[in-house]
Amino acid sequence: MIPAEEALERLRLGNRRFAANLGGHGILTNQARRDELLAGQEPFAIILGCSDSRVPLEIIFDQGLGDLFVIRVAGNIVAASQGRQCRVCRRAVQDCTHCPGSFDVWRRHRHT
């Protein structure tokens, strides 16, 4: 498990690479990386994000396969009344033993 501060910094640096058009997706999704993931996933962050197809979190944070556990929900909310969404979030926390202790990333976007 990496510290929360390190995970957040990895996301920040990845977003800076994306914003500067310096992303490295070819390296992060190549055959060698896919072969590594056959043994299981070890994401360093769990992110609840919008289901908007224009905002793919793996790309805007310049992360590769297996780096993020992304839960995409319209409206970025998980309500107790939405049992399935709560179960997915709980499962992500249980399964992602390599994710840091706790930190929240809040991102809002608007459509113009």
Protein backbone atom coordinates (compact mmCIF):
# COMPACT_ATOMS: atom_id res chain seq x y z
CA MET A 1 0.00 0.00 0.00
CA ILE A 2 1.26 3.46 -0.83
CA PRO A 3 0.57 6.50 1.35
CA ALA A 4 -2.49 8.58 0.41
CA GLU A 5 -0.28 11.59 -0.31
CA GLU A 6 1.75 9.59 -2.85
CA ALA A 7 -1.40 8.28 -4.55
CA LEU A 8 -2.79 11.80 -4.81
CA GLU A 9 0.52 13.06 -6.23
CA ARG A 10 0.50 10.28 -8.85
CA LEU A 11 -2.96 11.43 -9.92
CA ARG A 12 -1.87 15.08 -10.02
CA LEU A 13 1.23 14.33 -12.10
CA GLY A 14 -0.77 12.15 -14.46
CA ASN A 15 -3.31 14.91 -14.94
CA ARG A 16 -0.53 17.38 -15.68
CA ARG A 17 0.87 15.01 -18.32
CA PHE A 18 -2.60 14.67 -19.85
CA ALA A 19 -3.16 18.45 -19.85
CA ALA A 20 0.23 18.95 -21.52
CA ASN A 21 -0.57 16.23 -24.10
CA LEU A 22 2.33 14.11 -22.82
CA GLY A 23 0.35 10.98 -21.90
CA GLY A 24 2.00 7.57 -22.08
CA HIS A 25 -0.88 5.20 -22.75
CA GLY A 26 1.01 3.00 -25.19
CA ILE A 27 3.40 1.98 -22.44
CA LEU A 28 0.69 1.65 -19.79
CA THR A 29 -1.51 -0.69 -21.84
CA ASN A 30 1.08 -2.81 -23.69
CA GLN A 31 1.18 -6.61 -23.75
CA ALA A 32 3.69 -6.86 -20.89
CA ARG A 33 1.38 -4.85 -18.62
CA ARG A 34 -1.63 -6.94 -19.63
CA ASP A 35 0.34 -10.10 -18.82
CA GLU A 36 1.19 -8.72 -15.35
CA LEU A 37 -2.50 -8.19 -14.66
CA LEU A 38 -3.37 -11.85 -15.26
CA ALA A 39 -2.26 -12.52 -11.67
CA GLY A 40 -4.71 -9.93 -10.30
CA GLN A 41 -5.28 -6.24 -9.90
CA GLU A 42 -3.52 -3.92 -7.48
CA PRO A 43 -4.90 -0.44 -8.15
CA PHE A 44 -3.45 2.39 -6.10
CA ALA A 45 -6.68 4.41 -6.04
CA ILE A 46 -10.45 3.95 -6.06
CA ILE A 47 -12.28 6.74 -7.84
CA LEU A 48 -15.99 7.41 -8.06
CA GLY A 49 -16.45 9.34 -11.28
CA CYS A 50 -19.07 10.51 -13.70
CA SER A 51 -20.31 8.13 -16.36
CA ASP A 52 -19.84 10.87 -18.97
CA SER A 53 -17.91 9.29 -21.85
CA ARG A 54 -15.95 12.51 -22.35
CA VAL A 55 -14.28 12.14 -18.96
CA PRO A 56 -12.44 8.77 -18.90
CA LEU A 57 -10.55 8.92 -15.61
CA GLU A 58 -7.76 6.53 -16.63
CA ILE A 59 -6.93 8.89 -19.49
CA ILE A 60 -7.26 12.24 -17.72
CA PHE A 61 -5.03 10.93 -14.90
CA ASP A 62 -2.69 9.24 -17.43
CA GLN A 63 -2.87 5.86 -15.73
CA GLY A 64 -2.70 2.43 -17.28
CA LEU A 65 -4.55 -0.82 -16.98
CA GLY A 66 -4.91 -1.96 -13.37
CA ASP A 67 -3.76 1.33 -11.84
CA LEU A 68 -7.21 2.66 -10.88
CA PHE A 69 -10.43 1.06 -9.67
CA VAL A 70 -12.98 3.33 -11.32
CA ILE A 71 -16.66 3.35 -10.43
CA ARG A 72 -18.63 5.39 -12.95
CA VAL A 73 -22.05 6.65 -11.93
CA ALA A 74 -24.26 9.31 -13.48
CA GLY A 75 -24.14 12.32 -11.18
CA ASN A 76 -21.11 11.13 -9.15
CA ILE A 77 -23.30 10.13 -6.22
CA VAL A 78 -23.76 6.97 -4.23
CA ALA A 79 -26.94 7.03 -2.21
CA ALA A 80 -27.93 4.50 0.43
CA SER A 81 -31.09 3.92 -1.59
CA GLN A 82 -28.91 2.73 -4.49
CA GLY A 83 -27.90 -0.60 -2.99
CA ARG A 84 -25.91 -1.80 -5.99
CA GLN A 85 -23.73 1.32 -6.01
CA CYS A 86 -22.99 1.00 -2.30
CA ARG A 87 -22.05 -2.66 -2.75
CA VAL A 88 -19.64 -1.81 -5.57
CA CYS A 89 -17.94 0.83 -3.42
CA ARG A 90 -17.67 -1.54 -0.45
CA ARG A 91 -16.32 -4.30 -2.70
CA ALA A 92 -13.71 -1.95 -4.15
CA VAL A 93 -12.46 -1.03 -0.68
CA GLN A 94 -12.34 -4.69 0.39
CA ASP A 95 -10.61 -5.92 -2.76
CA CYS A 96 -8.13 -3.10 -3.19
CA THR A 97 -5.76 -3.85 -0.36
CA HIS A 98 -3.05 -1.78 -2.06
CA CYS A 99 -5.11 1.42 -2.03
CA PRO A 100 -4.05 4.08 0.47
CA GLY A 101 -5.80 4.69 3.75
CA SER A 102 -8.24 7.38 2.76
CA PHE A 103 -8.54 10.52 0.73
CA ASP A 104 -11.24 12.00 -1.41
CA VAL A 105 -10.90 13.51 -4.85
CA TRP A 106 -13.82 15.74 -5.77
CA ARG A 107 -14.21 16.81 -9.35
CA ARG A 108 -17.06 18.69 -10.82
CA HIS A 109 -17.69 19.54 -14.40
CA ARG A 110 -20.44 21.37 -16.15
CA HIS A 111 -21.74 21.21 -19.64
CA THR A 112 -21.94 24.44 -21.57
